[in-house]
Protein backbone atom coordinates (compact mmCIF):
# COMPACT_ATOMS: atom_id res chain seq x y z
CA MET A 1 6.80 -17.14 14.67
CA ARG A 2 10.20 -18.58 13.71
CA ARG A 3 11.87 -17.59 10.42
CA ASP A 4 11.56 -21.11 8.97
CA GLU A 5 7.83 -21.09 9.79
CA LEU A 6 7.40 -17.68 8.13
CA GLU A 7 9.15 -18.89 4.99
CA THR A 8 6.35 -21.43 4.45
CA PHE A 9 4.10 -18.46 3.61
CA ALA A 10 6.18 -17.35 0.62
CA GLY A 11 4.05 -17.20 -2.52
CA ARG A 12 0.73 -16.95 -0.67
CA THR A 13 -1.73 -14.14 -1.21
CA ILE A 14 -3.89 -12.13 1.15
CA PRO A 15 -7.30 -10.58 0.54
CA ASP A 16 -7.53 -6.96 -0.53
CA LEU A 17 -9.08 -4.55 1.96
CA VAL A 18 -11.90 -2.92 0.00
CA PRO A 19 -14.71 -0.79 1.45
CA ASP A 20 -18.00 -0.36 -0.40
CA ASP A 21 -17.26 3.35 -0.94
CA LEU A 22 -13.57 3.23 -1.85
CA ARG A 23 -12.11 6.72 -1.92
CA LEU A 24 -8.41 6.17 -1.25
CA LEU A 25 -6.56 3.01 -2.29
CA PHE A 26 -3.12 2.38 -0.84
CA VAL A 27 -1.07 0.04 -3.02
CA GLY A 28 1.83 -1.84 -1.47
CA ILE A 29 4.51 -3.53 -3.50
CA ASN A 30 3.65 -7.06 -2.33
CA PRO A 31 2.77 -8.71 0.97
CA GLY A 32 5.57 -9.66 3.32
CA LEU A 33 5.70 -13.04 5.00
CA VAL A 34 4.16 -11.78 8.25
CA SER A 35 1.28 -10.31 6.25
CA ALA A 36 0.82 -13.64 4.48
CA ALA A 37 0.86 -15.47 7.81
CA THR A 38 -1.71 -13.13 9.40
CA GLY A 39 -3.78 -12.19 6.36
CA MET A 40 -3.33 -8.51 7.28
CA HIS A 41 -1.62 -5.84 5.18
CA PHE A 42 1.58 -4.19 6.48
CA ALA A 43 1.50 -6.59 9.45
CA ARG A 44 5.22 -6.90 10.22
CA PRO A 45 5.91 -5.53 13.69
CA GLY A 46 7.76 -2.27 13.32
CA ASN A 47 6.24 -1.42 9.94
CA ARG A 48 5.48 2.28 10.00
CA PHE A 49 2.30 2.22 7.88
CA TYR A 50 -0.25 2.33 10.71
CA PRO A 51 1.67 4.78 12.93
CA ALA A 52 1.94 7.09 9.89
CA LEU A 53 -1.80 6.75 9.19
CA ARG A 54 -2.56 7.66 12.83
CA LEU A 55 -0.30 10.71 12.61
CA ALA A 56 -1.87 11.67 9.27
CA GLY A 57 -5.34 11.67 10.86
CA LEU A 58 -6.66 8.61 9.03
CA LEU A 59 -6.78 6.37 12.11
CA PRO A 60 -7.66 7.01 15.75
CA ALA A 61 -4.89 6.78 18.34
CA ASP A 62 -6.21 3.47 19.68
CA ALA A 63 -5.97 1.64 16.32
CA LEU A 64 -2.59 0.12 17.12
CA THR A 65 -2.66 -3.16 15.20
CA PRO A 66 -3.63 -4.08 11.65
CA GLU A 67 -6.65 -5.92 13.08
CA GLN A 68 -7.79 -2.75 14.88
CA ALA A 69 -7.01 -0.52 11.90
CA ALA A 70 -8.84 -2.52 9.21
CA PRO A 71 -12.43 -1.72 10.28
CA GLU A 72 -11.51 1.95 10.83
CA LEU A 73 -10.01 2.20 7.35
CA LEU A 74 -13.03 0.49 5.77
CA ALA A 75 -15.37 2.91 7.55
CA ARG A 76 -13.39 5.87 6.17
CA GLY A 77 -13.34 4.60 2.57
CA VAL A 78 -9.68 3.54 2.61
CA GLY A 79 -8.59 0.30 0.96
CA ILE A 80 -5.34 -1.62 0.56
CA THR A 81 -4.06 -3.85 -2.23
CA ASN A 82 -0.66 -4.68 -3.73
CA ILE A 83 0.97 -4.41 -7.12
CA VAL A 84 2.07 -8.06 -6.88
CA ALA A 85 -0.18 -10.42 -4.96
CA ARG A 86 2.37 -13.08 -3.95
CA ALA A 87 4.14 -12.79 -0.63
CA SER A 88 7.91 -12.73 -0.32
CA ALA A 89 10.47 -11.97 2.35
CA ARG A 90 11.62 -8.84 0.49
CA ALA A 91 10.26 -6.79 -2.40
CA ASP A 92 13.58 -7.11 -4.21
CA GLU A 93 12.69 -10.78 -4.80
CA LEU A 94 10.21 -9.61 -7.46
CA ASP A 95 11.25 -9.22 -11.07
CA ASP A 96 10.28 -6.45 -13.46
CA ALA A 97 7.85 -8.66 -15.37
CA GLU A 98 5.88 -9.35 -12.17
CA LEU A 99 5.61 -5.64 -11.47
CA VAL A 100 4.38 -4.90 -15.01
CA GLU A 101 1.86 -7.74 -14.80
CA GLY A 102 0.79 -6.43 -11.39
CA ARG A 103 0.18 -2.98 -12.88
CA GLU A 104 -2.24 -4.53 -15.35
CA ARG A 105 -4.10 -6.25 -12.50
CA LEU A 106 -4.11 -2.98 -10.54
CA GLU A 107 -5.57 -1.06 -13.48
CA SER A 108 -8.41 -3.58 -13.72
CA PHE A 109 -8.95 -3.43 -9.94
CA VAL A 110 -9.16 0.37 -10.01
CA ALA A 111 -11.58 0.31 -12.96
CA ASP A 112 -13.82 -2.07 -11.00
CA HIS A 113 -13.70 -0.26 -7.63
CA ARG A 114 -13.36 3.40 -8.75
CA PRO A 115 -11.40 5.07 -5.94
CA ARG A 116 -10.78 8.81 -6.17
CA VAL A 117 -7.06 8.41 -5.42
CA VAL A 118 -4.59 5.55 -5.85
CA ALA A 119 -1.50 5.92 -3.63
CA VAL A 120 1.33 3.61 -4.67
CA ALA A 121 3.77 3.07 -1.79
CA GLY A 122 7.19 2.78 -3.37
CA ILE A 123 8.82 4.91 -6.06
CA THR A 124 11.14 2.25 -7.50
CA SER A 125 8.36 -0.30 -7.99
CA TYR A 126 6.10 2.39 -9.44
CA ARG A 127 8.77 3.40 -11.95
CA ILE A 128 9.20 -0.18 -13.11
CA ALA A 129 5.51 -1.17 -13.13
CA PHE A 130 4.38 1.94 -14.98
CA ALA A 131 7.48 2.35 -17.19
CA GLU A 132 8.04 5.86 -15.84
CA ARG A 133 11.74 5.79 -14.98
CA LYS A 134 11.83 9.48 -14.04
CA ALA A 135 8.69 9.60 -11.90
CA SER A 136 9.03 11.44 -8.62
CA ALA A 137 7.05 11.28 -5.40
CA GLY A 138 3.68 13.00 -5.15
CA ARG A 139 0.81 13.37 -7.57
CA GLN A 140 1.44 11.95 -11.03
CA GLU A 141 0.19 13.23 -14.38
CA ARG A 142 -1.22 9.78 -15.14
CA THR A 143 -4.64 8.64 -13.97
CA ILE A 144 -6.03 5.14 -13.75
CA ALA A 145 -9.69 4.80 -14.73
CA GLY A 146 -10.21 8.43 -13.72
CA ALA A 147 -8.46 8.10 -10.34
CA GLU A 148 -5.61 10.41 -9.42
CA VAL A 149 -2.34 8.54 -8.97
CA TRP A 150 0.05 9.45 -6.19
CA VAL A 151 3.42 7.92 -5.36
CA VAL A 152 4.01 7.87 -1.62
CA PRO A 153 6.94 6.48 0.36
CA ASN A 154 7.07 2.81 1.22
CA PRO A 155 6.67 2.40 5.01
CA SER A 156 9.15 -0.46 5.28
CA GLY A 157 11.97 0.03 7.74
CA LEU A 158 14.30 -0.72 4.83
CA ASN A 159 13.30 2.71 3.51
CA ALA A 160 15.46 4.30 6.18
CA HIS A 161 15.52 7.88 4.89
CA GLU A 162 11.78 8.22 5.59
CA THR A 163 10.41 8.83 9.07
CA VAL A 164 6.92 8.35 10.46
CA ASP A 165 6.51 12.13 10.13
CA THR A 166 7.47 12.21 6.43
CA LEU A 167 5.33 9.15 5.72
CA ALA A 168 2.39 10.78 7.49
CA ALA A 169 2.76 14.00 5.49
CA ALA A 170 2.73 12.09 2.19
CA TYR A 171 -0.22 9.90 3.22
CA ARG A 172 -2.11 12.96 4.45
CA ALA A 173 -1.63 14.71 1.09
CA ALA A 174 -3.11 11.72 -0.75
CA ALA A 175 -5.97 11.53 1.77
CA GLU A 176 -6.72 15.23 1.30
CA ALA A 177 -6.81 14.72 -2.47
CA ALA A 178 -9.32 11.92 -1.90
CA GLY A 179 -11.49 14.26 0.18
CA LEU A 180 -10.98 12.32 3.39
CA LEU A 181 -9.42 15.09 5.50
């Protein structure tokens, strides 16, 4: 799809991926334009989310696309949502108020769906949304509606200091805390 075509998806939303028995909820910052165009989370080619989940042991080796991964994640009790629902080309297009408002929506979502673990993918957005400027990666002291909160690395290629291996290790730790591995 051409860039000008993708830009028509700015501001759209995509459905959350929510299994009946939600145990681990991954929380992205907001959908990208490719995700908005396809309706699939982390759908931009080259995004490292699904390769990291395969390496972490949450997906089989043959789940190569978001469309193949979604039913596998649902079957394992893994869901995906975002702090901010509206799609944009880059997360830095969001303002602080949107992230704080998104946190409030996320807290309600977690109270309704009751996962064991909430894994927020992105330390900077977490710090802003939750007003915890000194938060670090890993398990947080805070809980949401009884769920453990973890901050894990964002899988975007813009997060260049992370590798698929380091992403996988962080995602695996959150999955272990959720009792999935």
